[in-house]
Amino acid sequence: MYWTLGLASYMVEAPWPANRDDLIDYAIRSGAPIEVIENLQELEEEEIFENMEDIWHDYPTSEDYMFNADEY
């Protein structure tokens, strides 16, 4: 399983929290590339995922960027 920002962007608006089957259904309905669906099929079947970080542990968050939002 591999993720990129481009592939993960298809799952940003997914109905979180969701299980694997819900995420696969969402990916198919939203027209995500086959790579996204293949990645989702490799997830644990019974697990509930709260957000993209639960799937891709290296998913960048706002804390990963090196600027102070209060200055802008």
PDB file of N, CA and C in Angstrom:
ATOM      1  N   MET A   1       0.852  -1.164   0.000  1.00  0.00           N
ATOM      2  CA  MET A   1       0.000   0.000   0.000  1.00  0.00           C
ATOM      3  C   MET A   1       0.903   1.233   0.000  1.00  0.00           C
ATOM      4  N   TYR A   2       0.611   2.155  -0.878  1.00  0.00           N
ATOM      5  CA  TYR A   2       1.336   3.421  -0.894  1.00  0.00           C
ATOM      6  C   TYR A   2       0.344   4.560  -1.081  1.00  0.00           C
ATOM      7  N   TRP A   3       0.644   5.667  -0.445  1.00  0.00           N
ATOM      8  CA  TRP A   3      -0.188   6.853  -0.562  1.00  0.00           C
ATOM      9  C   TRP A   3       0.670   8.028  -0.996  1.00  0.00           C
ATOM     10  N   THR A   4       0.080   8.906  -1.749  1.00  0.00           N
ATOM     11  CA  THR A   4       0.675  10.186  -2.099  1.00  0.00           C
ATOM     12  C   THR A   4      -0.347  11.256  -1.745  1.00  0.00           C
ATOM     13  N   LEU A   5       0.080  12.497  -1.748  1.00  0.00           N
ATOM     14  CA  LEU A   5      -0.880  13.567  -1.465  1.00  0.00           C
ATOM     15  C   LEU A   5      -1.993  13.592  -2.506  1.00  0.00           C
ATOM     16  N   GLY A   6      -1.640  13.288  -3.750  1.00  0.00           N
ATOM     17  CA  GLY A   6      -2.648  13.259  -4.803  1.00  0.00           C
ATOM     18  C   GLY A   6      -3.693  12.189  -4.571  1.00  0.00           C
ATOM     19  N   LEU A   7      -3.260  11.002  -4.188  1.00  0.00           N
ATOM     20  CA  LEU A   7      -4.208   9.919  -3.917  1.00  0.00           C
ATOM     21  C   LEU A   7      -5.018  10.209  -2.656  1.00  0.00           C
ATOM     22  N   ALA A   8      -4.365  10.713  -1.632  1.00  0.00           N
ATOM     23  CA  ALA A   8      -5.062  11.002  -0.376  1.00  0.00           C
ATOM     24  C   ALA A   8      -6.095  12.108  -0.551  1.00  0.00           C
ATOM     25  N   SER A   9      -5.864  13.005  -1.501  1.00  0.00           N
ATOM     26  CA  SER A   9      -6.801  14.114  -1.697  1.00  0.00           C
ATOM     27  C   SER A   9      -8.192  13.629  -2.094  1.00  0.00           C
ATOM     28  N   TYR A  10      -8.290  12.446  -2.677  1.00  0.00           N
ATOM     29  CA  TYR A  10      -9.594  11.893  -3.038  1.00  0.00           C
ATOM     30  C   TYR A  10     -10.401  11.470  -1.808  1.00  0.00           C
ATOM     31  N   MET A  11      -9.718  11.292  -0.670  1.00  0.00           N
ATOM     32  CA  MET A  11     -10.391  10.800   0.527  1.00  0.00           C
ATOM     33  C   MET A  11     -10.623  11.875   1.581  1.00  0.00           C
ATOM     34  N   VAL A  12     -10.239  13.099   1.305  1.00  0.00           N
ATOM     35  CA  VAL A  12     -10.366  14.173   2.293  1.00  0.00           C
ATOM     36  C   VAL A  12     -11.820  14.397   2.694  1.00  0.00           C
ATOM     37  N   GLU A  13     -12.718  14.337   1.748  1.00  0.00           N
ATOM     38  CA  GLU A  13     -14.135  14.598   2.020  1.00  0.00           C
ATOM     39  C   GLU A  13     -14.928  13.329   2.324  1.00  0.00           C
ATOM     40  N   ALA A  14     -14.239  12.238   2.592  1.00  0.00           N
ATOM     41  CA  ALA A  14     -14.921  10.967   2.898  1.00  0.00           C
ATOM     42  C   ALA A  14     -15.756  11.113   4.171  1.00  0.00           C
ATOM     43  N   PRO A  15     -16.784  10.291   4.322  1.00  0.00           N
ATOM     44  CA  PRO A  15     -17.659  10.379   5.506  1.00  0.00           C
ATOM     45  C   PRO A  15     -17.003   9.756   6.739  1.00  0.00           C
ATOM     46  N   TRP A  16     -16.121  10.510   7.391  1.00  0.00           N
ATOM     47  CA  TRP A  16     -15.420  10.017   8.578  1.00  0.00           C
ATOM     48  C   TRP A  16     -16.333  10.089   9.779  1.00  0.00           C
ATOM     49  N   PRO A  17     -16.250   9.215  10.743  1.00  0.00           N
ATOM     50  CA  PRO A  17     -15.549   7.934  10.759  1.00  0.00           C
ATOM     51  C   PRO A  17     -16.243   6.926   9.850  1.00  0.00           C
ATOM     52  N   ALA A  18     -15.437   5.991   9.362  1.00  0.00           N
ATOM     53  CA  ALA A  18     -15.969   5.004   8.418  1.00  0.00           C
ATOM     54  C   ALA A  18     -15.157   3.727   8.501  1.00  0.00           C
ATOM     55  N   ASN A  19     -15.792   2.636   8.084  1.00  0.00           N
ATOM     56  CA  ASN A  19     -15.056   1.376   7.993  1.00  0.00           C
ATOM     57  C   ASN A  19     -14.528   1.213   6.571  1.00  0.00           C
ATOM     58  N   ARG A  20     -13.800   0.154   6.344  1.00  0.00           N
ATOM     59  CA  ARG A  20     -13.163  -0.074   5.050  1.00  0.00           C
ATOM     60  C   ARG A  20     -14.178  -0.098   3.913  1.00  0.00           C
ATOM     61  N   ASP A  21     -15.282  -0.807   4.090  1.00  0.00           N
ATOM     62  CA  ASP A  21     -16.265  -0.930   3.012  1.00  0.00           C
ATOM     63  C   ASP A  21     -16.916   0.409   2.678  1.00  0.00           C
ATOM     64  N   ASP A  22     -17.179   1.229   3.704  1.00  0.00           N
ATOM     65  CA  ASP A  22     -17.736   2.559   3.460  1.00  0.00           C
ATOM     66  C   ASP A  22     -16.768   3.428   2.662  1.00  0.00           C
ATOM     67  N   LEU A  23     -15.478   3.335   2.997  1.00  0.00           N
ATOM     68  CA  LEU A  23     -14.473   4.132   2.298  1.00  0.00           C
ATOM     69  C   LEU A  23     -14.311   3.676   0.850  1.00  0.00           C
ATOM     70  N   ILE A  24     -14.355   2.374   0.626  1.00  0.00           N
ATOM     71  CA  ILE A  24     -14.267   1.858  -0.741  1.00  0.00           C
ATOM     72  C   ILE A  24     -15.474   2.318  -1.545  1.00  0.00           C
ATOM     73  N   ASP A  25     -16.655   2.230  -0.958  1.00  0.00           N
ATOM     74  CA  ASP A  25     -17.866   2.694  -1.627  1.00  0.00           C
ATOM     75  C   ASP A  25     -17.766   4.178  -1.973  1.00  0.00           C
ATOM     76  N   TYR A  26     -17.284   4.987  -1.035  1.00  0.00           N
ATOM     77  CA  TYR A  26     -17.123   6.418  -1.285  1.00  0.00           C
ATOM     78  C   TYR A  26     -16.128   6.667  -2.426  1.00  0.00           C
ATOM     79  N   ALA A  27     -15.007   5.944  -2.404  1.00  0.00           N
ATOM     80  CA  ALA A  27     -13.987   6.127  -3.434  1.00  0.00           C
ATOM     81  C   ALA A  27     -14.534   5.793  -4.819  1.00  0.00           C
ATOM     82  N   ILE A  28     -15.302   4.743  -4.918  1.00  0.00           N
ATOM     83  CA  ILE A  28     -15.884   4.351  -6.209  1.00  0.00           C
ATOM     84  C   ILE A  28     -16.876   5.411  -6.672  1.00  0.00           C
ATOM     85  N   ARG A  29     -17.757   5.852  -5.780  1.00  0.00           N
ATOM     86  CA  ARG A  29     -18.773   6.848  -6.147  1.00  0.00           C
ATOM     87  C   ARG A  29     -18.166   8.200  -6.505  1.00  0.00           C
ATOM     88  N   SER A  30     -17.033   8.536  -5.885  1.00  0.00           N
ATOM     89  CA  SER A  30     -16.428   9.843  -6.145  1.00  0.00           C
ATOM     90  C   SER A  30     -15.471   9.818  -7.341  1.00  0.00           C
ATOM     91  N   GLY A  31     -15.267   8.657  -7.939  1.00  0.00           N
ATOM     92  CA  GLY A  31     -14.416   8.575  -9.120  1.00  0.00           C
ATOM     93  C   GLY A  31     -12.932   8.567  -8.825  1.00  0.00           C
ATOM     94  N   ALA A  32     -12.558   8.067  -7.668  1.00  0.00           N
ATOM     95  CA  ALA A  32     -11.148   7.992  -7.297  1.00  0.00           C
ATOM     96  C   ALA A  32     -10.424   6.987  -8.195  1.00  0.00           C
ATOM     97  N   PRO A  33      -9.125   7.193  -8.411  1.00  0.00           N
ATOM     98  CA  PRO A  33      -8.349   6.246  -9.227  1.00  0.00           C
ATOM     99  C   PRO A  33      -8.308   4.854  -8.596  1.00  0.00           C
ATOM    100  N   ILE A  34      -8.048   3.875  -9.412  1.00  0.00           N
ATOM    101  CA  ILE A  34      -8.005   2.478  -8.957  1.00  0.00           C
ATOM    102  C   ILE A  34      -6.963   2.280  -7.853  1.00  0.00           C
ATOM    103  N   GLU A  35      -5.889   3.072  -7.858  1.00  0.00           N
ATOM    104  CA  GLU A  35      -4.859   2.948  -6.821  1.00  0.00           C
ATOM    105  C   GLU A  35      -5.427   3.230  -5.430  1.00  0.00           C
ATOM    106  N   VAL A  36      -6.338   4.186  -5.338  1.00  0.00           N
ATOM    107  CA  VAL A  36      -6.971   4.508  -4.060  1.00  0.00           C
ATOM    108  C   VAL A  36      -7.797   3.321  -3.582  1.00  0.00           C
ATOM    109  N   ILE A  37      -8.571   2.747  -4.478  1.00  0.00           N
ATOM    110  CA  ILE A  37      -9.421   1.609  -4.122  1.00  0.00           C
ATOM    111  C   ILE A  37      -8.567   0.406  -3.718  1.00  0.00           C
ATOM    112  N   GLU A  38      -7.484   0.165  -4.442  1.00  0.00           N
ATOM    113  CA  GLU A  38      -6.588  -0.940  -4.096  1.00  0.00           C
ATOM    114  C   GLU A  38      -5.970  -0.727  -2.720  1.00  0.00           C
ATOM    115  N   ASN A  39      -5.575   0.505  -2.412  1.00  0.00           N
ATOM    116  CA  ASN A  39      -5.017   0.803  -1.087  1.00  0.00           C
ATOM    117  C   ASN A  39      -6.046   0.564   0.005  1.00  0.00           C
ATOM    118  N   LEU A  40      -7.268   0.975  -0.236  1.00  0.00           N
ATOM    119  CA  LEU A  40      -8.320   0.796   0.763  1.00  0.00           C
ATOM    120  C   LEU A  40      -8.643  -0.678   0.980  1.00  0.00           C
ATOM    121  N   GLN A  41      -8.549  -1.486  -0.067  1.00  0.00           N
ATOM    122  CA  GLN A  41      -8.839  -2.917   0.057  1.00  0.00           C
ATOM    123  C   GLN A  41      -7.830  -3.624   0.948  1.00  0.00           C
ATOM    124  N   GLU A  42      -6.650  -3.038   1.138  1.00  0.00           N
ATOM    125  CA  GLU A  42      -5.627  -3.642   1.985  1.00  0.00           C
ATOM    126  C   GLU A  42      -5.819  -3.331   3.467  1.00  0.00           C
ATOM    127  N   LEU A  43      -6.785  -2.486   3.798  1.00  0.00           N
ATOM    128  CA  LEU A  43      -7.024  -2.118   5.196  1.00  0.00           C
ATOM    129  C   LEU A  43      -7.715  -3.252   5.949  1.00  0.00           C
ATOM    130  N   GLU A  44      -7.627  -3.185   7.285  1.00  0.00           N
ATOM    131  CA  GLU A  44      -8.316  -4.147   8.142  1.00  0.00           C
ATOM    132  C   GLU A  44      -9.816  -4.009   7.946  1.00  0.00           C
ATOM    133  N   GLU A  45     -10.508  -5.128   7.840  1.00  0.00           N
ATOM    134  CA  GLU A  45     -11.936  -5.109   7.545  1.00  0.00           C
ATOM    135  C   GLU A  45     -12.786  -4.573   8.683  1.00  0.00           C
ATOM    136  N   GLU A  46     -12.474  -4.919   9.896  1.00  0.00           N
ATOM    137  CA  GLU A  46     -13.331  -4.592  11.040  1.00  0.00           C
ATOM    138  C   GLU A  46     -13.006  -3.259  11.693  1.00  0.00           C
ATOM    139  N   GLU A  47     -11.926  -2.624  11.303  1.00  0.00           N
ATOM    140  CA  GLU A  47     -11.481  -1.398  11.959  1.00  0.00           C
ATOM    141  C   GLU A  47     -12.302  -0.185  11.507  1.00  0.00           C
ATOM    142  N   ILE A  48     -12.496   0.755  12.422  1.00  0.00           N
ATOM    143  CA  ILE A  48     -13.158   2.019  12.119  1.00  0.00           C
ATOM    144  C   ILE A  48     -12.065   3.085  12.038  1.00  0.00           C
ATOM    145  N   PHE A  49     -12.077   3.855  10.961  1.00  0.00           N
ATOM    146  CA  PHE A  49     -11.076   4.885  10.730  1.00  0.00           C
ATOM    147  C   PHE A  49     -11.693   6.251  10.977  1.00  0.00           C
ATOM    148  N   GLU A  50     -11.041   7.048  11.800  1.00  0.00           N
ATOM    149  CA  GLU A  50     -11.558   8.356  12.187  1.00  0.00           C
ATOM    150  C   GLU A  50     -11.202   9.454  11.181  1.00  0.00           C
ATOM    151  N   ASN A  51     -10.070   9.304  10.503  1.00  0.00           N
ATOM    152  CA  ASN A  51      -9.623  10.304   9.531  1.00  0.00           C
ATOM    153  C   ASN A  51      -8.520   9.705   8.658  1.00  0.00           C
ATOM    154  N   MET A  52      -8.010  10.497   7.749  1.00  0.00           N
ATOM    155  CA  MET A  52      -6.991  10.006   6.820  1.00  0.00           C
ATOM    156  C   MET A  52      -5.704   9.627   7.546  1.00  0.00           C
ATOM    157  N   GLU A  53      -5.431  10.263   8.669  1.00  0.00           N
ATOM    158  CA  GLU A  53      -4.226   9.937   9.437  1.00  0.00           C
ATOM    159  C   GLU A  53      -4.254   8.511   9.979  1.00  0.00           C
ATOM    160  N   ASP A  54      -5.437   7.954  10.207  1.00  0.00           N
ATOM    161  CA  ASP A  54      -5.545   6.566  10.657  1.00  0.00           C
ATOM    162  C   ASP A  54      -5.150   5.587   9.552  1.00  0.00           C
ATOM    163  N   ILE A  55      -5.307   6.006   8.320  1.00  0.00           N
ATOM    164  CA  ILE A  55      -4.980   5.154   7.178  1.00  0.00           C
ATOM    165  C   ILE A  55      -3.528   5.340   6.761  1.00  0.00           C
ATOM    166  N   TRP A  56      -3.136   6.600   6.610  1.00  0.00           N
ATOM    167  CA  TRP A  56      -1.773   6.943   6.181  1.00  0.00           C
ATOM    168  C   TRP A  56      -1.148   7.734   7.323  1.00  0.00           C
ATOM    169  N   HIS A  57      -0.328   7.069   8.117  1.00  0.00           N
ATOM    170  CA  HIS A  57       0.220   7.670   9.330  1.00  0.00           C
ATOM    171  C   HIS A  57       1.124   8.862   9.049  1.00  0.00           C
ATOM    172  N   ASP A  58       1.666   8.970   7.850  1.00  0.00           N
ATOM    173  CA  ASP A  58       2.518  10.094   7.482  1.00  0.00           C
ATOM    174  C   ASP A  58       1.754  11.209   6.786  1.00  0.00           C
ATOM    175  N   TYR A  59       0.430  11.160   6.811  1.00  0.00           N
ATOM    176  CA  TYR A  59      -0.386  12.186   6.167  1.00  0.00           C
ATOM    177  C   TYR A  59      -0.067  13.543   6.796  1.00  0.00           C
ATOM    178  N   PRO A  60       0.309  14.523   5.990  1.00  0.00           N
ATOM    179  CA  PRO A  60       0.693  15.821   6.566  1.00  0.00           C
ATOM    180  C   PRO A  60      -0.505  16.559   7.159  1.00  0.00           C
ATOM    181  N   THR A  61      -0.284  17.155   8.301  1.00  0.00           N
ATOM    182  CA  THR A  61      -1.310  17.956   8.965  1.00  0.00           C
ATOM    183  C   THR A  61      -0.868  19.409   8.973  1.00  0.00           C
ATOM    184  N   SER A  62      -1.708  20.286   9.452  1.00  0.00           N
ATOM    185  CA  SER A  62      -1.357  21.701   9.497  1.00  0.00           C
ATOM    186  C   SER A  62      -0.147  21.945  10.399  1.00  0.00           C
ATOM    187  N   GLU A  63       0.087  21.071  11.354  1.00  0.00           N
ATOM    188  CA  GLU A  63       1.249  21.210  12.235  1.00  0.00           C
ATOM    189  C   GLU A  63       2.563  20.920  11.521  1.00  0.00           C
ATOM    190  N   ASP A  64       2.503  20.265  10.370  1.00  0.00           N
ATOM    191  CA  ASP A  64       3.708  19.908   9.638  1.00  0.00           C
ATOM    192  C   ASP A  64       4.298  21.072   8.849  1.00  0.00           C
ATOM    193  N   TYR A  65       3.545  22.117   8.677  1.00  0.00           N
ATOM    194  CA  TYR A  65       4.027  23.238   7.881  1.00  0.00           C
ATOM    195  C   TYR A  65       4.726  24.245   8.788  1.00  0.00           C
ATOM    196  N   MET A  66       5.773  24.837   8.290  1.00  0.00           N
ATOM    197  CA  MET A  66       6.668  25.667   9.092  1.00  0.00           C
ATOM    198  C   MET A  66       6.315  27.155   9.047  1.00  0.00           C
ATOM    199  N   PHE A  67       5.092  27.516   9.262  1.00  0.00           N
ATOM    200  CA  PHE A  67       4.744  28.927   9.329  1.00  0.00           C
ATOM    201  C   PHE A  67       3.766  29.165  10.474  1.00  0.00           C
ATOM    202  N   ASN A  68       3.730  30.377  10.895  1.00  0.00           N
ATOM    203  CA  ASN A  68       2.856  30.751  11.989  1.00  0.00           C
ATOM    204  C   ASN A  68       1.606  31.393  11.412  1.00  0.00           C
ATOM    205  N   ALA A  69       0.485  30.730  11.474  1.00  0.00           N
ATOM    206  CA  ALA A  69      -0.751  31.216  10.899  1.00  0.00           C
ATOM    207  C   ALA A  69      -1.242  32.492  11.581  1.00  0.00           C
ATOM    208  N   ASP A  70      -0.822  32.723  12.813  1.00  0.00           N
ATOM    209  CA  ASP A  70      -1.243  33.923  13.533  1.00  0.00           C
ATOM    210  C   ASP A  70      -0.634  35.191  12.957  1.00  0.00           C
ATOM    211  N   GLU A  71       0.456  35.054  12.217  1.00  0.00           N
ATOM    212  CA  GLU A  71       1.121  36.221  11.636  1.00  0.00           C
ATOM    213  C   GLU A  71       0.433  36.711  10.370  1.00  0.00           C
ATOM    214  N   TYR A  72      -0.459  35.921   9.820  1.00  0.00           N
ATOM    215  CA  TYR A  72      -1.069  36.298   8.526  1.00  0.00           C
ATOM    216  C   TYR A  72      -2.491  36.681   8.666  1.00  0.00           C
TER     217      TYR A  72
END
